[in-house]
Amino acid sequence: MGRTSLTPFAASMADPDPQAARRFAAQLWQERGAIVIFPDQLKAMDGLERQLFEAVATKNYGGKR
């Protein structure tokens, strides 16, 4: 494999770790009160819960593109 301008960063690159993301989301909630909702969590919610989260997101960030 040849060298590129990204070679120095190769060691820090890794595949995403979904469990680490969920642990980080839990830590954000516990330490900062921030809520992270992953798409698979939205799909698992009932209609009323999903509508509530989507309404809050739309109010704060605008509609989906």
PDB file of N, CA and C in Angstrom:
ATOM      1  N   MET A   1       0.835  -1.171   0.000  1.00  0.00           N
ATOM      2  CA  MET A   1       0.000   0.000   0.000  1.00  0.00           C
ATOM      3  C   MET A   1       0.887   1.244   0.000  1.00  0.00           C
ATOM      4  N   GLY A   2       0.557   2.221  -0.795  1.00  0.00           N
ATOM      5  CA  GLY A   2       1.364   3.424  -0.891  1.00  0.00           C
ATOM      6  C   GLY A   2       1.013   4.456   0.177  1.00  0.00           C
ATOM      7  N   ARG A   3       1.858   5.445   0.273  1.00  0.00           N
ATOM      8  CA  ARG A   3       1.622   6.534   1.226  1.00  0.00           C
ATOM      9  C   ARG A   3       0.731   7.588   0.591  1.00  0.00           C
ATOM     10  N   THR A   4      -0.152   8.135   1.403  1.00  0.00           N
ATOM     11  CA  THR A   4      -0.988   9.251   0.961  1.00  0.00           C
ATOM     12  C   THR A   4      -0.903  10.337   2.024  1.00  0.00           C
ATOM     13  N   SER A   5      -1.582  11.439   1.779  1.00  0.00           N
ATOM     14  CA  SER A   5      -1.595  12.516   2.767  1.00  0.00           C
ATOM     15  C   SER A   5      -2.344  12.106   4.036  1.00  0.00           C
ATOM     16  N   LEU A   6      -3.116  11.029   3.974  1.00  0.00           N
ATOM     17  CA  LEU A   6      -3.874  10.556   5.141  1.00  0.00           C
ATOM     18  C   LEU A   6      -3.128   9.488   5.945  1.00  0.00           C
ATOM     19  N   THR A   7      -1.995   9.025   5.445  1.00  0.00           N
ATOM     20  CA  THR A   7      -1.244   7.967   6.124  1.00  0.00           C
ATOM     21  C   THR A   7      -0.974   8.271   7.591  1.00  0.00           C
ATOM     22  N   PRO A   8      -0.602   9.504   7.967  1.00  0.00           N
ATOM     23  CA  PRO A   8      -0.343   9.774   9.386  1.00  0.00           C
ATOM     24  C   PRO A   8      -1.563   9.556  10.286  1.00  0.00           C
ATOM     25  N   PHE A   9      -2.751   9.584   9.720  1.00  0.00           N
ATOM     26  CA  PHE A   9      -3.973   9.457  10.508  1.00  0.00           C
ATOM     27  C   PHE A   9      -4.520   8.029  10.531  1.00  0.00           C
ATOM     28  N   ALA A  10      -3.905   7.122   9.807  1.00  0.00           N
ATOM     29  CA  ALA A  10      -4.428   5.765   9.665  1.00  0.00           C
ATOM     30  C   ALA A  10      -4.597   5.060  11.003  1.00  0.00           C
ATOM     31  N   ALA A  11      -3.673   5.250  11.923  1.00  0.00           N
ATOM     32  CA  ALA A  11      -3.746   4.556  13.205  1.00  0.00           C
ATOM     33  C   ALA A  11      -4.960   4.992  14.029  1.00  0.00           C
ATOM     34  N   SER A  12      -5.422   6.218  13.827  1.00  0.00           N
ATOM     35  CA  SER A  12      -6.559   6.711  14.608  1.00  0.00           C
ATOM     36  C   SER A  12      -7.909   6.390  13.973  1.00  0.00           C
ATOM     37  N   MET A  13      -7.893   5.822  12.781  1.00  0.00           N
ATOM     38  CA  MET A  13      -9.129   5.481  12.095  1.00  0.00           C
ATOM     39  C   MET A  13      -9.607   4.100  12.549  1.00  0.00           C
ATOM     40  N   ALA A  14     -10.883   3.985  12.776  1.00  0.00           N
ATOM     41  CA  ALA A  14     -11.454   2.705  13.175  1.00  0.00           C
ATOM     42  C   ALA A  14     -12.903   2.643  12.721  1.00  0.00           C
ATOM     43  N   ASP A  15     -13.425   1.442  12.621  1.00  0.00           N
ATOM     44  CA  ASP A  15     -14.838   1.288  12.292  1.00  0.00           C
ATOM     45  C   ASP A  15     -15.674   1.832  13.450  1.00  0.00           C
ATOM     46  N   PRO A  16     -16.835   2.380  13.159  1.00  0.00           N
ATOM     47  CA  PRO A  16     -17.701   2.885  14.226  1.00  0.00           C
ATOM     48  C   PRO A  16     -18.076   1.771  15.200  1.00  0.00           C
ATOM     49  N   ASP A  17     -18.167   2.123  16.453  1.00  0.00           N
ATOM     50  CA  ASP A  17     -18.530   1.165  17.503  1.00  0.00           C
ATOM     51  C   ASP A  17     -19.876   1.583  18.081  1.00  0.00           C
ATOM     52  N   PRO A  18     -20.971   0.928  17.671  1.00  0.00           N
ATOM     53  CA  PRO A  18     -22.299   1.328  18.141  1.00  0.00           C
ATOM     54  C   PRO A  18     -22.441   1.288  19.663  1.00  0.00           C
ATOM     55  N   GLN A  19     -21.829   0.315  20.306  1.00  0.00           N
ATOM     56  CA  GLN A  19     -21.938   0.230  21.770  1.00  0.00           C
ATOM     57  C   GLN A  19     -21.222   1.401  22.439  1.00  0.00           C
ATOM     58  N   ALA A  20     -20.087   1.817  21.878  1.00  0.00           N
ATOM     59  CA  ALA A  20     -19.378   2.975  22.426  1.00  0.00           C
ATOM     60  C   ALA A  20     -20.216   4.237  22.251  1.00  0.00           C
ATOM     61  N   ALA A  21     -20.906   4.342  21.122  1.00  0.00           N
ATOM     62  CA  ALA A  21     -21.762   5.509  20.888  1.00  0.00           C
ATOM     63  C   ALA A  21     -22.896   5.549  21.911  1.00  0.00           C
ATOM     64  N   ARG A  22     -23.469   4.399  22.219  1.00  0.00           N
ATOM     65  CA  ARG A  22     -24.551   4.348  23.209  1.00  0.00           C
ATOM     66  C   ARG A  22     -24.033   4.658  24.615  1.00  0.00           C
ATOM     67  N   ARG A  23     -22.828   4.185  24.926  1.00  0.00           N
ATOM     68  CA  ARG A  23     -22.238   4.523  26.233  1.00  0.00           C
ATOM     69  C   ARG A  23     -21.986   6.024  26.325  1.00  0.00           C
ATOM     70  N   PHE A  24     -21.499   6.612  25.242  1.00  0.00           N
ATOM     71  CA  PHE A  24     -21.251   8.052  25.215  1.00  0.00           C
ATOM     72  C   PHE A  24     -22.562   8.831  25.350  1.00  0.00           C
ATOM     73  N   ALA A  25     -23.624   8.352  24.693  1.00  0.00           N
ATOM     74  CA  ALA A  25     -24.928   9.002  24.799  1.00  0.00           C
ATOM     75  C   ALA A  25     -25.431   8.954  26.240  1.00  0.00           C
ATOM     76  N   ALA A  26     -25.249   7.816  26.907  1.00  0.00           N
ATOM     77  CA  ALA A  26     -25.665   7.698  28.308  1.00  0.00           C
ATOM     78  C   ALA A  26     -24.861   8.646  29.191  1.00  0.00           C
ATOM     79  N   GLN A  27     -23.564   8.741  28.908  1.00  0.00           N
ATOM     80  CA  GLN A  27     -22.705   9.650  29.668  1.00  0.00           C
ATOM     81  C   GLN A  27     -23.143  11.109  29.464  1.00  0.00           C
ATOM     82  N   LEU A  28     -23.475  11.475  28.239  1.00  0.00           N
ATOM     83  CA  LEU A  28     -23.961  12.838  27.967  1.00  0.00           C
ATOM     84  C   LEU A  28     -25.215  13.139  28.781  1.00  0.00           C
ATOM     85  N   TRP A  29     -26.136  12.189  28.825  1.00  0.00           N
ATOM     86  CA  TRP A  29     -27.368  12.377  29.583  1.00  0.00           C
ATOM     87  C   TRP A  29     -27.064  12.567  31.066  1.00  0.00           C
ATOM     88  N   GLN A  30     -26.222  11.698  31.607  1.00  0.00           N
ATOM     89  CA  GLN A  30     -25.934  11.734  33.035  1.00  0.00           C
ATOM     90  C   GLN A  30     -25.149  12.970  33.443  1.00  0.00           C
ATOM     91  N   GLU A  31     -24.219  13.408  32.599  1.00  0.00           N
ATOM     92  CA  GLU A  31     -23.346  14.520  32.972  1.00  0.00           C
ATOM     93  C   GLU A  31     -23.852  15.883  32.514  1.00  0.00           C
ATOM     94  N   ARG A  32     -24.560  15.920  31.387  1.00  0.00           N
ATOM     95  CA  ARG A  32     -24.934  17.214  30.800  1.00  0.00           C
ATOM     96  C   ARG A  32     -26.423  17.392  30.560  1.00  0.00           C
ATOM     97  N   GLY A  33     -27.187  16.320  30.702  1.00  0.00           N
ATOM     98  CA  GLY A  33     -28.619  16.408  30.454  1.00  0.00           C
ATOM     99  C   GLY A  33     -28.974  16.432  28.975  1.00  0.00           C
ATOM    100  N   ALA A  34     -28.015  16.091  28.101  1.00  0.00           N
ATOM    101  CA  ALA A  34     -28.258  16.060  26.659  1.00  0.00           C
ATOM    102  C   ALA A  34     -28.860  14.714  26.278  1.00  0.00           C
ATOM    103  N   ILE A  35     -29.807  14.728  25.363  1.00  0.00           N
ATOM    104  CA  ILE A  35     -30.470  13.502  24.926  1.00  0.00           C
ATOM    105  C   ILE A  35     -30.050  13.184  23.496  1.00  0.00           C
ATOM    106  N   VAL A  36     -29.619  11.958  23.288  1.00  0.00           N
ATOM    107  CA  VAL A  36     -29.277  11.472  21.955  1.00  0.00           C
ATOM    108  C   VAL A  36     -30.249  10.346  21.627  1.00  0.00           C
ATOM    109  N   ILE A  37     -30.937  10.460  20.508  1.00  0.00           N
ATOM    110  CA  ILE A  37     -31.858   9.417  20.068  1.00  0.00           C
ATOM    111  C   ILE A  37     -31.334   8.869  18.750  1.00  0.00           C
ATOM    112  N   PHE A  38     -31.046   7.578  18.719  1.00  0.00           N
ATOM    113  CA  PHE A  38     -30.543   6.941  17.520  1.00  0.00           C
ATOM    114  C   PHE A  38     -31.721   6.524  16.637  1.00  0.00           C
ATOM    115  N   PRO A  39     -31.535   6.483  15.316  1.00  0.00           N
ATOM    116  CA  PRO A  39     -32.635   6.137  14.415  1.00  0.00           C
ATOM    117  C   PRO A  39     -33.318   4.819  14.764  1.00  0.00           C
ATOM    118  N   ASP A  40     -32.557   3.811  15.182  1.00  0.00           N
ATOM    119  CA  ASP A  40     -33.195   2.538  15.513  1.00  0.00           C
ATOM    120  C   ASP A  40     -34.068   2.664  16.757  1.00  0.00           C
ATOM    121  N   GLN A  41     -33.734   3.593  17.643  1.00  0.00           N
ATOM    122  CA  GLN A  41     -34.571   3.815  18.814  1.00  0.00           C
ATOM    123  C   GLN A  41     -35.892   4.466  18.410  1.00  0.00           C
ATOM    124  N   LEU A  42     -35.841   5.395  17.455  1.00  0.00           N
ATOM    125  CA  LEU A  42     -37.072   6.026  16.962  1.00  0.00           C
ATOM    126  C   LEU A  42     -37.993   4.986  16.332  1.00  0.00           C
ATOM    127  N   LYS A  43     -37.410   4.068  15.566  1.00  0.00           N
ATOM    128  CA  LYS A  43     -38.212   3.042  14.904  1.00  0.00           C
ATOM    129  C   LYS A  43     -38.895   2.133  15.908  1.00  0.00           C
ATOM    130  N   ALA A  44     -38.256   1.922  17.067  1.00  0.00           N
ATOM    131  CA  ALA A  44     -38.807   1.030  18.081  1.00  0.00           C
ATOM    132  C   ALA A  44     -39.892   1.697  18.933  1.00  0.00           C
ATOM    133  N   MET A  45     -40.012   3.018  18.847  1.00  0.00           N
ATOM    134  CA  MET A  45     -41.005   3.736  19.660  1.00  0.00           C
ATOM    135  C   MET A  45     -42.397   3.577  19.071  1.00  0.00           C
ATOM    136  N   ASP A  46     -43.397   3.746  19.933  1.00  0.00           N
ATOM    137  CA  ASP A  46     -44.756   3.755  19.405  1.00  0.00           C
ATOM    138  C   ASP A  46     -44.995   5.095  18.714  1.00  0.00           C
ATOM    139  N   GLY A  47     -46.095   5.206  18.022  1.00  0.00           N
ATOM    140  CA  GLY A  47     -46.376   6.387  17.210  1.00  0.00           C
ATOM    141  C   GLY A  47     -46.366   7.689  17.987  1.00  0.00           C
ATOM    142  N   LEU A  48     -46.948   7.702  19.178  1.00  0.00           N
ATOM    143  CA  LEU A  48     -47.026   8.926  19.971  1.00  0.00           C
ATOM    144  C   LEU A  48     -45.654   9.381  20.445  1.00  0.00           C
ATOM    145  N   GLU A  49     -44.836   8.438  20.913  1.00  0.00           N
ATOM    146  CA  GLU A  49     -43.474   8.785  21.340  1.00  0.00           C
ATOM    147  C   GLU A  49     -42.672   9.354  20.173  1.00  0.00           C
ATOM    148  N   ARG A  50     -42.737   8.689  19.032  1.00  0.00           N
ATOM    149  CA  ARG A  50     -41.999   9.124  17.846  1.00  0.00           C
ATOM    150  C   ARG A  50     -42.447  10.514  17.415  1.00  0.00           C
ATOM    151  N   GLN A  51     -43.745  10.776  17.432  1.00  0.00           N
ATOM    152  CA  GLN A  51     -44.262  12.091  17.055  1.00  0.00           C
ATOM    153  C   GLN A  51     -43.740  13.166  17.997  1.00  0.00           C
ATOM    154  N   LEU A  52     -43.674  12.855  19.289  1.00  0.00           N
ATOM    155  CA  LEU A  52     -43.171  13.820  20.264  1.00  0.00           C
ATOM    156  C   LEU A  52     -41.716  14.179  19.966  1.00  0.00           C
ATOM    157  N   PHE A  53     -40.862  13.184  19.788  1.00  0.00           N
ATOM    158  CA  PHE A  53     -39.453  13.454  19.506  1.00  0.00           C
ATOM    159  C   PHE A  53     -39.279  14.200  18.188  1.00  0.00           C
ATOM    160  N   GLU A  54     -40.029  13.801  17.165  1.00  0.00           N
ATOM    161  CA  GLU A  54     -39.919  14.479  15.876  1.00  0.00           C
ATOM    162  C   GLU A  54     -40.401  15.922  15.970  1.00  0.00           C
ATOM    163  N   ALA A  55     -41.445  16.196  16.765  1.00  0.00           N
ATOM    164  CA  ALA A  55     -41.935  17.563  16.939  1.00  0.00           C
ATOM    165  C   ALA A  55     -40.895  18.423  17.656  1.00  0.00           C
ATOM    166  N   VAL A  56     -40.252  17.876  18.671  1.00  0.00           N
ATOM    167  CA  VAL A  56     -39.216  18.629  19.396  1.00  0.00           C
ATOM    168  C   VAL A  56     -38.035  18.919  18.466  1.00  0.00           C
ATOM    169  N   ALA A  57     -37.616  17.920  17.702  1.00  0.00           N
ATOM    170  CA  ALA A  57     -36.499  18.116  16.775  1.00  0.00           C
ATOM    171  C   ALA A  57     -36.843  19.154  15.710  1.00  0.00           C
ATOM    172  N   THR A  58     -38.046  19.088  15.157  1.00  0.00           N
ATOM    173  CA  THR A  58     -38.460  20.043  14.133  1.00  0.00           C
ATOM    174  C   THR A  58     -38.521  21.456  14.700  1.00  0.00           C
ATOM    175  N   LYS A  59     -39.043  21.589  15.902  1.00  0.00           N
ATOM    176  CA  LYS A  59     -39.133  22.915  16.544  1.00  0.00           C
ATOM    177  C   LYS A  59     -37.739  23.511  16.743  1.00  0.00           C
ATOM    178  N   ASN A  60     -36.786  22.679  17.153  1.00  0.00           N
ATOM    179  CA  ASN A  60     -35.454  23.194  17.478  1.00  0.00           C
ATOM    180  C   ASN A  60     -34.512  23.283  16.297  1.00  0.00           C
ATOM    181  N   TYR A  61     -34.677  22.379  15.317  1.00  0.00           N
ATOM    182  CA  TYR A  61     -33.696  22.308  14.236  1.00  0.00           C
ATOM    183  C   TYR A  61     -34.280  22.484  12.848  1.00  0.00           C
ATOM    184  N   GLY A  62     -35.594  22.645  12.746  1.00  0.00           N
ATOM    185  CA  GLY A  62     -36.226  22.777  11.442  1.00  0.00           C
ATOM    186  C   GLY A  62     -36.626  21.417  10.898  1.00  0.00           C
ATOM    187  N   GLY A  63     -37.334  21.446   9.792  1.00  0.00           N
ATOM    188  CA  GLY A  63     -37.811  20.205   9.184  1.00  0.00           C
ATOM    189  C   GLY A  63     -36.703  19.409   8.548  1.00  0.00           C
ATOM    190  N   LYS A  64     -37.019  18.149   8.258  1.00  0.00           N
ATOM    191  CA  LYS A  64     -36.068  17.276   7.573  1.00  0.00           C
ATOM    192  C   LYS A  64     -35.885  17.753   6.135  1.00  0.00           C
ATOM    193  N   ARG A  65     -34.743  17.483   5.587  1.00  0.00           N
ATOM    194  CA  ARG A  65     -34.478  17.845   4.184  1.00  0.00           C
ATOM    195  C   ARG A  65     -34.797  16.702   3.281  1.00  0.00           C
TER     196      ARG A  65
END
